[in-house]
N, C-alpha and C. Protein backbone atom coordinates (compact mmCIF):
# COMPACT_ATOMS: atom_id res chain seq x y z
N MET A 1 42.29 -76.31 -9.60
CA MET A 1 42.38 -76.04 -8.13
C MET A 1 43.89 -76.08 -7.79
N SER A 2 44.35 -74.93 -7.31
CA SER A 2 45.86 -74.79 -6.94
C SER A 2 46.02 -75.73 -5.63
N LYS A 3 47.26 -76.17 -5.63
CA LYS A 3 47.65 -77.13 -4.36
C LYS A 3 48.99 -76.52 -3.90
N ASN A 4 48.95 -76.49 -2.37
CA ASN A 4 50.10 -75.99 -1.79
C ASN A 4 50.99 -77.19 -1.48
N ALA A 5 52.04 -76.88 -0.94
CA ALA A 5 53.02 -77.97 -0.70
C ALA A 5 52.59 -79.00 0.16
N THR A 6 51.90 -78.80 1.18
CA THR A 6 51.27 -79.85 2.08
C THR A 6 50.28 -80.75 1.21
N ASP A 7 49.51 -80.14 0.22
CA ASP A 7 48.58 -80.95 -0.63
C ASP A 7 49.43 -81.88 -1.47
N ARG A 8 50.45 -81.32 -2.08
CA ARG A 8 51.17 -82.09 -3.01
C ARG A 8 51.85 -83.23 -2.30
N ILE A 9 52.57 -83.00 -1.15
CA ILE A 9 53.19 -84.12 -0.41
C ILE A 9 52.16 -85.20 -0.03
N PHE A 10 51.15 -84.71 0.66
CA PHE A 10 49.98 -85.73 0.93
C PHE A 10 49.63 -86.41 -0.10
N GLU A 11 49.29 -85.85 -1.35
CA GLU A 11 48.75 -86.68 -2.36
C GLU A 11 49.78 -87.67 -2.98
N ALA A 12 51.04 -87.13 -3.08
CA ALA A 12 52.07 -88.06 -3.63
C ALA A 12 52.28 -89.22 -2.65
N LEU A 13 52.42 -89.08 -1.37
CA LEU A 13 52.59 -90.10 -0.47
C LEU A 13 51.53 -91.05 -0.32
N GLU A 14 50.26 -90.40 -0.22
CA GLU A 14 48.95 -91.18 -0.28
C GLU A 14 48.88 -92.14 -1.46
N GLU A 15 49.25 -91.72 -2.80
CA GLU A 15 49.19 -92.62 -3.82
C GLU A 15 50.23 -93.75 -3.69
N ARG A 16 51.46 -93.45 -3.31
CA ARG A 16 52.44 -94.49 -3.26
C ARG A 16 52.06 -95.51 -2.15
N ILE A 17 51.41 -95.10 -1.07
CA ILE A 17 51.07 -96.03 -0.08
C ILE A 17 49.90 -96.99 -0.51
N VAL A 18 48.90 -96.28 -1.18
CA VAL A 18 47.61 -97.22 -1.41
C VAL A 18 47.91 -97.98 -2.76
N THR A 19 48.88 -97.62 -3.55
CA THR A 19 49.31 -98.26 -4.65
C THR A 19 50.41 -99.46 -4.32
N GLY A 20 50.97 -99.38 -3.15
CA GLY A 20 51.95 -100.43 -2.69
C GLY A 20 53.31 -100.00 -3.14
N THR A 21 53.59 -98.79 -3.78
CA THR A 21 54.99 -98.33 -4.12
C THR A 21 55.87 -98.14 -2.72
N ILE A 22 55.03 -97.69 -1.78
CA ILE A 22 55.65 -97.78 -0.45
C ILE A 22 54.81 -98.84 0.32
N LYS A 23 55.58 -99.97 0.85
CA LYS A 23 54.90 -101.09 1.29
C LYS A 23 54.31 -100.86 2.76
N SER A 24 53.35 -101.48 3.08
CA SER A 24 52.78 -101.47 4.50
C SER A 24 53.87 -101.98 5.33
N GLY A 25 54.09 -101.29 6.46
CA GLY A 25 55.22 -101.49 7.38
C GLY A 25 56.70 -100.82 7.19
N GLU A 26 56.67 -100.19 5.90
CA GLU A 26 57.85 -99.47 5.49
C GLU A 26 58.04 -98.05 6.28
N ARG A 27 59.10 -97.86 6.86
CA ARG A 27 59.25 -96.60 7.54
C ARG A 27 59.40 -95.39 6.60
N ILE A 28 58.70 -94.30 6.98
CA ILE A 28 58.70 -93.15 6.27
C ILE A 28 59.36 -91.90 7.03
N ASP A 29 60.39 -91.36 6.48
CA ASP A 29 61.01 -90.44 7.27
C ASP A 29 60.76 -88.91 6.98
N GLU A 30 60.55 -88.13 7.95
CA GLU A 30 60.14 -86.75 7.69
C GLU A 30 61.34 -85.94 6.97
N THR A 31 62.61 -86.11 7.54
CA THR A 31 63.78 -85.48 6.91
C THR A 31 63.89 -85.84 5.45
N ALA A 32 63.82 -87.08 5.25
CA ALA A 32 64.04 -87.55 3.85
C ALA A 32 62.98 -87.08 2.91
N ALA A 33 61.67 -86.98 3.51
CA ALA A 33 60.55 -86.54 2.61
C ALA A 33 60.79 -84.95 2.25
N ALA A 34 61.27 -84.29 3.39
CA ALA A 34 61.50 -82.82 3.09
C ALA A 34 62.53 -82.71 1.98
N GLU A 35 63.55 -83.48 2.04
CA GLU A 35 64.66 -83.29 0.93
C GLU A 35 64.14 -83.71 -0.35
N GLN A 36 63.37 -84.74 -0.33
CA GLN A 36 62.84 -85.24 -1.70
C GLN A 36 61.85 -84.21 -2.36
N PHE A 37 61.06 -83.66 -1.52
CA PHE A 37 60.06 -82.73 -2.18
C PHE A 37 60.66 -81.25 -2.21
N GLY A 38 61.76 -80.98 -1.57
CA GLY A 38 62.46 -79.70 -1.62
C GLY A 38 61.73 -78.70 -0.81
N VAL A 39 61.22 -79.02 0.33
CA VAL A 39 60.54 -78.27 1.22
C VAL A 39 61.07 -78.27 2.64
N SER A 40 60.64 -77.36 3.48
CA SER A 40 60.98 -77.45 4.89
C SER A 40 60.12 -78.60 5.50
N ARG A 41 60.45 -78.92 6.82
CA ARG A 41 59.75 -80.03 7.39
C ARG A 41 58.34 -79.70 7.79
N THR A 42 57.99 -78.41 7.93
CA THR A 42 56.56 -77.91 8.22
C THR A 42 55.51 -78.50 7.38
N PRO A 43 55.53 -78.34 6.07
CA PRO A 43 54.47 -79.04 5.24
C PRO A 43 54.55 -80.49 5.29
N VAL A 44 55.72 -81.08 5.55
CA VAL A 44 55.85 -82.56 5.62
C VAL A 44 55.14 -83.11 6.73
N ARG A 45 55.31 -82.32 8.01
CA ARG A 45 54.60 -82.74 9.11
C ARG A 45 53.08 -82.58 8.94
N GLU A 46 52.60 -81.41 8.34
CA GLU A 46 51.19 -81.22 8.06
C GLU A 46 50.60 -82.39 7.24
N ALA A 47 51.46 -82.90 6.21
CA ALA A 47 51.02 -83.90 5.38
C ALA A 47 50.91 -85.27 6.04
N PHE A 48 52.03 -85.59 6.92
CA PHE A 48 51.98 -86.71 7.56
C PHE A 48 50.83 -86.73 8.57
N ALA A 49 50.40 -85.57 9.33
CA ALA A 49 49.18 -85.60 10.18
C ALA A 49 48.19 -85.87 9.40
N ARG A 50 47.98 -85.56 8.06
CA ARG A 50 46.71 -85.99 7.25
C ARG A 50 46.84 -87.34 6.94
N LEU A 51 48.02 -87.92 6.60
CA LEU A 51 48.06 -89.40 6.39
C LEU A 51 47.68 -90.18 7.54
N ALA A 52 48.12 -89.71 8.66
CA ALA A 52 47.86 -90.61 9.98
C ALA A 52 46.38 -90.56 10.23
N ALA A 53 45.78 -89.27 9.93
CA ALA A 53 44.22 -89.06 10.07
C ALA A 53 43.60 -90.11 9.17
N SER A 54 44.15 -90.36 8.03
CA SER A 54 43.45 -91.33 7.07
C SER A 54 43.94 -92.73 7.31
N ASP A 55 44.64 -92.96 8.39
CA ASP A 55 44.93 -94.56 8.73
C ASP A 55 46.07 -94.93 7.67
N LEU A 56 46.80 -94.13 6.99
CA LEU A 56 47.79 -94.65 5.98
C LEU A 56 49.06 -94.61 6.56
N ILE A 57 49.42 -93.94 7.66
CA ILE A 57 50.62 -94.22 8.35
C ILE A 57 50.36 -94.32 9.90
N GLU A 58 51.29 -94.73 10.56
CA GLU A 58 51.19 -94.96 12.12
C GLU A 58 52.40 -94.89 12.85
N LYS A 59 52.33 -94.64 14.19
CA LYS A 59 53.40 -94.54 14.92
C LYS A 59 53.34 -95.87 15.71
N ARG A 60 54.65 -96.47 16.05
CA ARG A 60 54.63 -97.75 16.59
C ARG A 60 55.52 -97.63 18.08
N ASP A 61 55.07 -98.38 19.00
CA ASP A 61 55.71 -98.30 20.35
C ASP A 61 57.03 -98.56 20.16
N GLY A 62 58.01 -97.74 20.82
CA GLY A 62 59.48 -98.03 20.90
C GLY A 62 60.29 -97.88 19.67
N GLN A 63 59.62 -97.24 18.58
CA GLN A 63 60.12 -96.99 17.23
C GLN A 63 59.86 -95.67 16.88
N ARG A 64 60.93 -94.98 16.35
CA ARG A 64 60.88 -93.53 15.94
C ARG A 64 60.17 -93.35 14.51
N GLY A 65 59.61 -92.30 14.33
CA GLY A 65 59.07 -92.08 12.82
C GLY A 65 57.80 -92.76 12.57
N TYR A 66 57.29 -92.68 11.42
CA TYR A 66 56.02 -93.31 10.96
C TYR A 66 56.28 -94.41 10.05
N PHE A 67 55.41 -95.27 9.95
CA PHE A 67 55.27 -96.51 9.16
C PHE A 67 53.94 -96.47 8.28
N ALA A 68 54.15 -96.98 7.00
CA ALA A 68 53.04 -97.12 6.32
C ALA A 68 51.98 -98.27 6.83
N SER A 69 50.68 -97.88 6.77
CA SER A 69 49.88 -98.96 7.31
C SER A 69 48.57 -99.06 6.46
N ALA A 70 48.69 -99.45 5.08
CA ALA A 70 47.58 -99.60 4.23
C ALA A 70 46.93 -100.90 4.62
N PRO A 71 45.61 -100.93 4.61
CA PRO A 71 44.89 -102.08 4.98
C PRO A 71 45.06 -103.35 3.84
N SER A 72 44.93 -104.47 4.31
CA SER A 72 44.99 -105.58 3.32
C SER A 72 43.77 -105.56 2.29
N ILE A 73 43.98 -106.36 1.34
CA ILE A 73 42.80 -106.18 0.36
C ILE A 73 41.61 -106.81 0.87
N THR A 74 41.73 -107.82 1.80
CA THR A 74 40.55 -108.27 2.49
C THR A 74 39.79 -107.26 3.30
N ARG A 75 40.69 -106.67 4.16
CA ARG A 75 40.15 -105.64 5.04
C ARG A 75 39.53 -104.47 4.15
N LEU A 76 40.14 -104.10 3.03
CA LEU A 76 39.58 -103.03 2.24
C LEU A 76 38.30 -103.48 1.68
N ILE A 77 37.97 -104.63 1.22
CA ILE A 77 36.75 -105.07 0.74
C ILE A 77 35.61 -105.02 1.83
N GLU A 78 36.10 -105.51 3.00
CA GLU A 78 35.13 -105.54 4.18
C GLU A 78 34.74 -104.00 4.46
N MET A 79 35.65 -103.14 4.44
CA MET A 79 35.19 -101.72 4.71
C MET A 79 34.27 -101.12 3.71
N PHE A 80 34.51 -101.58 2.33
CA PHE A 80 33.65 -101.07 1.40
C PHE A 80 32.23 -101.68 1.46
N GLU A 81 32.25 -102.85 1.92
CA GLU A 81 30.82 -103.62 2.12
C GLU A 81 30.08 -102.74 3.18
N VAL A 82 30.80 -102.51 4.29
CA VAL A 82 30.14 -101.74 5.47
C VAL A 82 29.58 -100.39 4.93
N MET A 83 30.63 -99.74 4.32
CA MET A 83 30.31 -98.40 3.81
C MET A 83 29.05 -98.34 2.85
N ALA A 84 28.95 -99.31 1.95
CA ALA A 84 27.86 -99.52 0.95
C ALA A 84 26.46 -99.65 1.82
N GLU A 85 26.52 -100.43 2.87
CA GLU A 85 25.35 -100.73 3.59
C GLU A 85 24.85 -99.32 4.45
N LEU A 86 25.75 -98.61 4.91
CA LEU A 86 25.60 -97.39 5.47
C LEU A 86 25.09 -96.30 4.71
N GLU A 87 25.63 -96.26 3.58
CA GLU A 87 25.29 -95.25 2.49
C GLU A 87 23.82 -95.60 1.97
N GLY A 88 23.54 -96.91 1.91
CA GLY A 88 22.11 -97.25 1.43
C GLY A 88 21.11 -96.86 2.44
N MET A 89 21.47 -97.01 3.77
CA MET A 89 20.57 -96.63 4.89
C MET A 89 20.36 -95.23 4.85
N CYS A 90 21.41 -94.42 4.70
CA CYS A 90 21.13 -92.97 4.65
C CYS A 90 20.28 -92.46 3.51
N ALA A 91 20.30 -93.12 2.34
CA ALA A 91 19.59 -92.76 1.16
C ALA A 91 18.18 -93.16 1.48
N ARG A 92 17.98 -94.39 2.07
CA ARG A 92 16.48 -94.76 2.42
C ARG A 92 15.74 -93.98 3.23
N LEU A 93 16.57 -93.46 4.39
CA LEU A 93 15.91 -92.63 5.25
C LEU A 93 15.68 -91.21 4.60
N ALA A 94 16.66 -90.76 3.87
CA ALA A 94 16.59 -89.44 3.14
C ALA A 94 15.58 -89.24 2.20
N SER A 95 15.09 -90.54 1.54
CA SER A 95 13.99 -90.48 0.64
C SER A 95 12.75 -90.33 1.34
N ARG A 96 12.60 -90.47 2.66
CA ARG A 96 11.43 -90.20 3.57
C ARG A 96 11.38 -88.96 4.20
N ARG A 97 12.67 -88.48 4.54
CA ARG A 97 12.74 -87.37 5.39
C ARG A 97 13.26 -86.08 4.90
N MET A 98 14.02 -86.03 3.72
CA MET A 98 14.74 -84.99 3.18
C MET A 98 13.75 -83.92 2.78
N ARG A 99 13.98 -82.63 3.11
CA ARG A 99 13.26 -81.47 2.89
C ARG A 99 13.39 -81.03 1.50
N THR A 100 12.35 -80.44 0.86
CA THR A 100 12.36 -79.90 -0.41
C THR A 100 13.64 -79.04 -0.73
N ALA A 101 13.93 -78.14 0.23
CA ALA A 101 15.10 -77.33 -0.03
C ALA A 101 16.50 -78.00 -0.03
N ASP A 102 16.49 -79.07 0.70
CA ASP A 102 17.69 -79.94 0.62
C ASP A 102 17.76 -80.79 -0.69
N ILE A 103 16.65 -81.21 -1.06
CA ILE A 103 16.77 -81.91 -2.51
C ILE A 103 17.06 -80.94 -3.71
N GLU A 104 16.86 -79.66 -3.49
CA GLU A 104 17.22 -78.73 -4.60
C GLU A 104 18.77 -78.44 -4.31
N ARG A 105 19.23 -78.55 -3.01
CA ARG A 105 20.78 -78.39 -2.83
C ARG A 105 21.43 -79.63 -3.53
N LEU A 106 20.74 -80.78 -3.30
CA LEU A 106 21.29 -82.05 -3.87
C LEU A 106 21.40 -81.96 -5.26
N LYS A 107 20.56 -81.52 -6.07
CA LYS A 107 20.56 -81.30 -7.51
C LYS A 107 21.78 -80.23 -7.86
N LEU A 108 21.89 -79.26 -7.14
CA LEU A 108 22.88 -78.25 -7.46
C LEU A 108 24.25 -78.90 -7.20
N ALA A 109 24.40 -79.67 -6.15
CA ALA A 109 25.70 -80.35 -5.97
C ALA A 109 26.13 -81.28 -6.94
N ASN A 110 25.08 -81.99 -7.59
CA ASN A 110 25.33 -82.97 -8.70
C ASN A 110 25.77 -82.01 -10.01
N GLU A 111 25.12 -80.94 -10.23
CA GLU A 111 25.44 -79.98 -11.34
C GLU A 111 26.92 -79.60 -11.13
N ALA A 112 27.34 -79.33 -9.97
CA ALA A 112 28.80 -78.90 -9.63
C ALA A 112 29.71 -80.04 -10.12
N CYS A 113 29.36 -81.29 -9.84
CA CYS A 113 30.22 -82.46 -10.18
C CYS A 113 30.34 -82.59 -11.57
N HIS A 114 29.34 -82.04 -12.40
CA HIS A 114 29.49 -82.24 -13.80
C HIS A 114 30.45 -81.14 -14.25
N ALA A 115 30.60 -80.03 -13.63
CA ALA A 115 31.70 -79.05 -13.89
C ALA A 115 33.13 -79.63 -13.86
N ALA A 116 33.31 -80.48 -12.63
CA ALA A 116 34.70 -81.14 -12.49
C ALA A 116 34.93 -82.10 -13.67
N ILE A 117 33.94 -82.73 -14.07
CA ILE A 117 34.15 -83.64 -15.22
C ILE A 117 34.51 -82.96 -16.52
N GLU A 118 33.98 -81.83 -16.70
CA GLU A 118 34.40 -80.90 -17.87
C GLU A 118 35.74 -80.55 -17.81
N ASN A 119 36.32 -80.46 -16.64
CA ASN A 119 37.61 -79.94 -16.29
C ASN A 119 38.61 -81.14 -16.28
N ASN A 120 37.93 -82.38 -16.36
CA ASN A 120 38.78 -83.60 -16.10
C ASN A 120 39.67 -83.61 -14.98
N ASP A 121 39.04 -83.20 -13.84
CA ASP A 121 39.63 -83.04 -12.58
C ASP A 121 39.13 -84.11 -11.65
N PRO A 122 39.63 -85.21 -11.49
CA PRO A 122 39.06 -86.25 -10.39
C PRO A 122 39.21 -85.83 -9.05
N ASP A 123 40.14 -85.10 -8.63
CA ASP A 123 40.33 -84.58 -7.23
C ASP A 123 39.21 -83.55 -6.94
N LEU A 124 38.90 -82.77 -7.80
CA LEU A 124 37.88 -81.81 -7.70
C LEU A 124 36.54 -82.41 -7.76
N TYR A 125 36.32 -83.42 -8.48
CA TYR A 125 35.06 -84.27 -8.47
C TYR A 125 34.97 -84.97 -7.05
N TYR A 126 36.02 -85.44 -6.65
CA TYR A 126 35.91 -86.13 -5.35
C TYR A 126 35.47 -85.20 -4.23
N ALA A 127 35.98 -83.80 -4.18
CA ALA A 127 35.68 -83.00 -3.22
C ALA A 127 34.17 -82.62 -3.35
N LEU A 128 33.55 -82.43 -4.50
CA LEU A 128 32.32 -81.96 -4.78
C LEU A 128 31.36 -83.22 -4.64
N ASN A 129 31.79 -84.51 -4.83
CA ASN A 129 31.11 -85.84 -4.59
C ASN A 129 30.89 -85.78 -3.06
N VAL A 130 31.89 -85.34 -2.25
CA VAL A 130 31.64 -85.47 -0.77
C VAL A 130 30.50 -84.43 -0.36
N ASP A 131 30.45 -83.31 -1.04
CA ASP A 131 29.41 -82.36 -0.67
C ASP A 131 28.03 -82.92 -1.04
N PHE A 132 27.91 -83.73 -2.16
CA PHE A 132 26.75 -84.40 -2.49
C PHE A 132 26.27 -85.43 -1.51
N HIS A 133 27.17 -86.11 -1.00
CA HIS A 133 26.89 -87.25 -0.12
C HIS A 133 26.54 -86.57 1.33
N GLU A 134 27.28 -85.53 1.70
CA GLU A 134 26.95 -84.88 2.87
C GLU A 134 25.47 -84.30 3.08
N ILE A 135 24.96 -84.07 1.84
CA ILE A 135 23.50 -83.56 1.88
C ILE A 135 22.58 -84.72 2.17
N VAL A 136 22.99 -85.81 1.54
CA VAL A 136 22.09 -87.14 1.80
C VAL A 136 22.32 -87.45 3.33
N TYR A 137 23.61 -87.47 3.82
CA TYR A 137 23.70 -87.68 5.19
C TYR A 137 22.81 -86.87 6.19
N ASN A 138 22.95 -85.53 5.83
CA ASN A 138 22.16 -84.63 6.83
C ASN A 138 20.63 -84.69 6.50
N GLY A 139 20.28 -85.20 5.40
CA GLY A 139 18.88 -85.36 5.08
C GLY A 139 18.25 -86.67 5.47
N CYS A 140 19.15 -87.58 5.99
CA CYS A 140 18.51 -88.79 6.50
C CYS A 140 17.88 -88.59 7.95
N GLY A 141 18.20 -87.52 8.62
CA GLY A 141 17.53 -87.26 9.86
C GLY A 141 17.99 -88.28 10.99
N ASN A 142 19.18 -88.82 10.86
CA ASN A 142 19.72 -89.62 11.85
C ASN A 142 21.19 -89.37 12.15
N ARG A 143 21.44 -88.49 13.00
CA ARG A 143 22.81 -87.84 13.29
C ARG A 143 23.90 -88.98 13.47
N PHE A 144 23.50 -90.00 14.31
CA PHE A 144 24.34 -91.02 14.63
C PHE A 144 24.77 -91.81 13.39
N LEU A 145 23.76 -92.17 12.54
CA LEU A 145 24.03 -92.83 11.33
C LEU A 145 24.90 -92.03 10.31
N ALA A 146 24.72 -90.68 10.27
CA ALA A 146 25.38 -89.84 9.47
C ALA A 146 26.82 -89.86 10.01
N ASP A 147 27.16 -89.76 11.25
CA ASP A 147 28.53 -89.64 11.70
C ASP A 147 29.33 -90.99 11.52
N GLU A 148 28.52 -92.11 11.69
CA GLU A 148 29.23 -93.38 11.45
C GLU A 148 29.63 -93.57 9.96
N THR A 149 28.80 -92.97 9.10
CA THR A 149 28.99 -93.17 7.67
C THR A 149 30.18 -92.22 7.20
N ARG A 150 30.34 -91.02 7.89
CA ARG A 150 31.36 -90.27 7.63
C ARG A 150 32.60 -90.82 7.93
N GLN A 151 32.71 -91.37 9.10
CA GLN A 151 33.99 -91.95 9.57
C GLN A 151 34.45 -93.00 8.73
N ILE A 152 33.64 -93.92 8.13
CA ILE A 152 34.30 -94.95 7.32
C ILE A 152 34.58 -94.52 5.97
N ARG A 153 33.73 -93.35 5.57
CA ARG A 153 34.08 -92.71 4.29
C ARG A 153 35.41 -91.99 4.41
N HIS A 154 35.77 -91.37 5.47
CA HIS A 154 36.99 -90.87 5.59
C HIS A 154 38.24 -91.79 5.66
N ARG A 155 37.92 -93.02 6.12
CA ARG A 155 39.06 -93.92 6.19
C ARG A 155 39.25 -94.59 4.75
N LEU A 156 38.13 -94.58 3.92
CA LEU A 156 38.36 -95.08 2.60
C LEU A 156 38.57 -94.06 1.57
N LYS A 157 38.67 -92.73 2.02
CA LYS A 157 38.88 -91.52 1.09
C LYS A 157 39.97 -91.83 0.06
N SER A 158 41.02 -92.28 0.37
CA SER A 158 42.15 -92.47 -0.56
C SER A 158 41.83 -93.23 -1.55
N TYR A 159 41.13 -94.48 -1.46
CA TYR A 159 40.89 -95.42 -2.20
C TYR A 159 39.56 -95.00 -3.19
N ARG A 160 38.64 -94.19 -2.55
CA ARG A 160 37.58 -93.67 -3.36
C ARG A 160 38.16 -92.68 -4.34
N ARG A 161 39.20 -91.80 -3.98
CA ARG A 161 39.78 -90.77 -4.91
C ARG A 161 40.47 -91.69 -6.08
N LEU A 162 41.06 -92.67 -5.72
CA LEU A 162 41.83 -93.54 -6.70
C LEU A 162 40.81 -94.01 -7.79
N GLN A 163 39.73 -94.49 -7.22
CA GLN A 163 38.66 -95.09 -8.21
C GLN A 163 38.20 -94.04 -9.34
N LEU A 164 38.19 -92.87 -8.92
CA LEU A 164 37.65 -91.89 -9.79
C LEU A 164 38.67 -91.63 -10.97
N ARG A 165 39.94 -92.09 -10.98
CA ARG A 165 40.86 -91.94 -11.99
C ARG A 165 40.72 -93.01 -13.14
N VAL A 166 39.80 -94.08 -12.82
CA VAL A 166 39.48 -95.06 -13.83
C VAL A 166 38.73 -94.28 -15.06
N ARG A 167 39.14 -94.59 -16.10
CA ARG A 167 38.38 -93.91 -17.24
C ARG A 167 36.91 -94.14 -17.31
N GLY A 168 36.17 -93.11 -17.33
CA GLY A 168 34.70 -93.12 -17.43
C GLY A 168 34.18 -93.15 -16.12
N ARG A 169 34.81 -93.26 -15.02
CA ARG A 169 34.09 -93.52 -13.72
C ARG A 169 33.49 -92.24 -13.19
N MET A 170 34.03 -90.99 -13.60
CA MET A 170 33.25 -89.86 -13.12
C MET A 170 31.95 -89.62 -13.83
N ASN A 171 31.92 -89.96 -15.10
CA ASN A 171 30.66 -89.91 -15.70
C ASN A 171 29.67 -91.00 -15.18
N GLN A 172 30.15 -92.05 -15.09
CA GLN A 172 29.30 -93.20 -14.42
C GLN A 172 28.69 -92.75 -13.03
N SER A 173 29.64 -92.18 -12.21
CA SER A 173 29.22 -91.80 -11.03
C SER A 173 28.16 -90.71 -10.89
N LEU A 174 28.33 -89.65 -11.90
CA LEU A 174 27.40 -88.62 -12.07
C LEU A 174 25.99 -89.10 -12.38
N GLY A 175 26.00 -90.13 -13.29
CA GLY A 175 24.79 -90.89 -13.71
C GLY A 175 24.03 -91.52 -12.48
N GLU A 176 24.91 -92.21 -11.72
CA GLU A 176 24.36 -92.81 -10.45
C GLU A 176 23.76 -91.79 -9.51
N HIS A 177 24.43 -90.67 -9.32
CA HIS A 177 23.92 -89.61 -8.48
C HIS A 177 22.43 -89.05 -9.09
N SER A 178 22.30 -89.00 -10.44
CA SER A 178 21.08 -88.48 -10.90
C SER A 178 20.00 -89.58 -10.54
N ALA A 179 20.29 -90.81 -10.69
CA ALA A 179 19.23 -91.85 -10.44
C ALA A 179 18.86 -91.86 -8.96
N ILE A 180 19.93 -91.68 -8.08
CA ILE A 180 19.52 -91.61 -6.60
C ILE A 180 18.73 -90.34 -6.39
N ILE A 181 19.04 -89.18 -6.89
CA ILE A 181 18.18 -88.13 -6.62
C ILE A 181 16.75 -88.35 -7.10
N GLU A 182 16.41 -89.10 -8.42
CA GLU A 182 15.22 -89.36 -8.89
C GLU A 182 14.46 -90.22 -7.83
N ALA A 183 15.21 -91.26 -7.24
CA ALA A 183 14.59 -92.08 -6.26
C ALA A 183 14.16 -91.30 -5.04
N ILE A 184 14.99 -90.32 -4.66
CA ILE A 184 14.76 -89.57 -3.22
C ILE A 184 13.49 -88.69 -3.63
N VAL A 185 13.57 -88.02 -4.82
CA VAL A 185 12.38 -87.08 -5.22
C VAL A 185 11.00 -87.87 -5.15
N ALA A 186 11.07 -89.12 -5.67
CA ALA A 186 9.92 -89.93 -5.72
C ALA A 186 9.58 -90.61 -4.34
N GLY A 187 10.43 -90.45 -3.41
CA GLY A 187 10.03 -91.02 -2.14
C GLY A 187 10.09 -92.47 -2.25
N ASP A 188 11.02 -93.09 -3.26
CA ASP A 188 11.07 -94.47 -3.33
C ASP A 188 12.19 -94.91 -2.53
N ALA A 189 11.96 -95.42 -1.22
CA ALA A 189 13.19 -95.72 -0.33
C ALA A 189 14.04 -96.96 -0.66
N ALA A 190 13.06 -98.03 -1.17
CA ALA A 190 13.90 -99.20 -1.60
C ALA A 190 14.85 -99.03 -2.73
N THR A 191 14.43 -98.18 -3.69
CA THR A 191 15.21 -97.92 -4.87
C THR A 191 16.43 -97.08 -4.46
N ALA A 192 16.19 -95.95 -3.72
CA ALA A 192 17.24 -95.18 -3.21
C ALA A 192 18.37 -95.88 -2.39
N GLU A 193 18.02 -96.98 -1.56
CA GLU A 193 18.82 -97.67 -0.79
C GLU A 193 19.62 -98.48 -1.87
N ARG A 194 19.08 -99.23 -2.73
CA ARG A 194 19.68 -100.06 -3.54
C ARG A 194 20.63 -99.42 -4.50
N LEU A 195 20.23 -98.29 -5.13
CA LEU A 195 21.15 -97.51 -6.02
C LEU A 195 22.43 -96.99 -5.22
N SER A 196 22.12 -96.50 -3.96
CA SER A 196 23.28 -95.94 -3.08
C SER A 196 24.32 -97.00 -2.57
N LYS A 197 23.72 -98.10 -2.29
CA LYS A 197 24.74 -99.23 -2.06
C LYS A 197 25.51 -99.52 -3.39
N ALA A 198 24.81 -99.64 -4.59
CA ALA A 198 25.61 -100.12 -5.74
C ALA A 198 26.59 -98.92 -6.01
N HIS A 199 26.33 -97.73 -5.73
CA HIS A 199 27.15 -96.55 -6.08
C HIS A 199 28.46 -96.74 -5.51
N VAL A 200 28.60 -97.26 -4.25
CA VAL A 200 29.94 -97.26 -3.53
C VAL A 200 30.45 -98.69 -3.36
N SER A 201 29.78 -99.84 -3.90
CA SER A 201 30.31 -101.01 -3.91
C SER A 201 31.48 -101.24 -4.68
N VAL A 202 32.18 -102.31 -4.51
CA VAL A 202 33.47 -102.62 -5.35
C VAL A 202 33.38 -103.97 -5.82
N GLN A 203 32.12 -104.40 -6.27
CA GLN A 203 31.96 -105.83 -6.91
C GLN A 203 32.20 -105.80 -8.33
N GLY A 204 32.29 -106.95 -8.88
CA GLY A 204 32.41 -107.09 -10.35
C GLY A 204 33.68 -106.34 -10.92
N GLU A 205 33.11 -105.55 -11.97
CA GLU A 205 34.15 -104.81 -12.75
C GLU A 205 34.91 -103.72 -11.90
N ARG A 206 34.04 -103.03 -10.99
CA ARG A 206 34.74 -102.09 -10.10
C ARG A 206 35.71 -102.72 -9.21
N PHE A 207 35.64 -103.83 -8.77
CA PHE A 207 36.68 -104.49 -7.98
C PHE A 207 38.00 -104.80 -8.95
N ALA A 208 37.73 -105.20 -10.16
CA ALA A 208 38.81 -105.40 -11.17
C ALA A 208 39.60 -104.05 -11.31
N ASP A 209 38.72 -102.91 -11.54
CA ASP A 209 39.32 -101.64 -11.77
C ASP A 209 40.18 -101.23 -10.62
N LEU A 210 39.60 -101.44 -9.33
CA LEU A 210 40.36 -100.86 -8.20
C LEU A 210 41.68 -101.58 -8.03
N MET A 211 41.73 -103.00 -8.25
CA MET A 211 42.79 -103.95 -8.11
C MET A 211 43.84 -103.44 -9.10
N ALA A 212 43.38 -103.01 -10.43
CA ALA A 212 44.22 -102.61 -11.31
C ALA A 212 45.06 -101.29 -10.90
N GLN A 213 44.32 -100.48 -10.21
CA GLN A 213 44.87 -99.07 -9.87
C GLN A 213 45.77 -99.37 -8.68
N LEU A 214 45.56 -100.42 -7.75
CA LEU A 214 46.47 -100.78 -6.67
C LEU A 214 47.58 -101.55 -7.17
């Protein structure tokens, strides 16, 4: 997948902020970033807008420019806990309400994720993984729940992308998708909920892996 200047700047700064190379509270200057990446200020501004939308940078009253604003580890874990609960609820309802045509779309979305693994492209996998989850959200039949789940997923996007760089995680994720699909097809609401919660949780080894990336 080709990347333009905005994508490259966004991803570079995103990684530096979430891994702590750029400390929370540190000022990030547009002009300096443009010079560093050898581009005009336009793609830098676009990248900064995306970083702000992801809650990774912020403006402060009375101060010029942007400041890194990564959440604390405690806050991060709290957000993952809430996301796991919401994802589980979406899958539970989808197992009862999802239409046959949408189940087929879910299977195709998972097959597309496999193609990203073959290309060893975690960023492409993340984008296709979003498609997979969107089908579950839409299939749950509860627009309010789907919107709330999307919001917290968006706030955790950078960390979810980082998780996929752990060796073997993409294959593990794909297998978890397959198990979730089986539960939804079977109409097994309890299993679909349990598997979906586990899919996005950061307990045990996944917590250690995430901390190692950070």
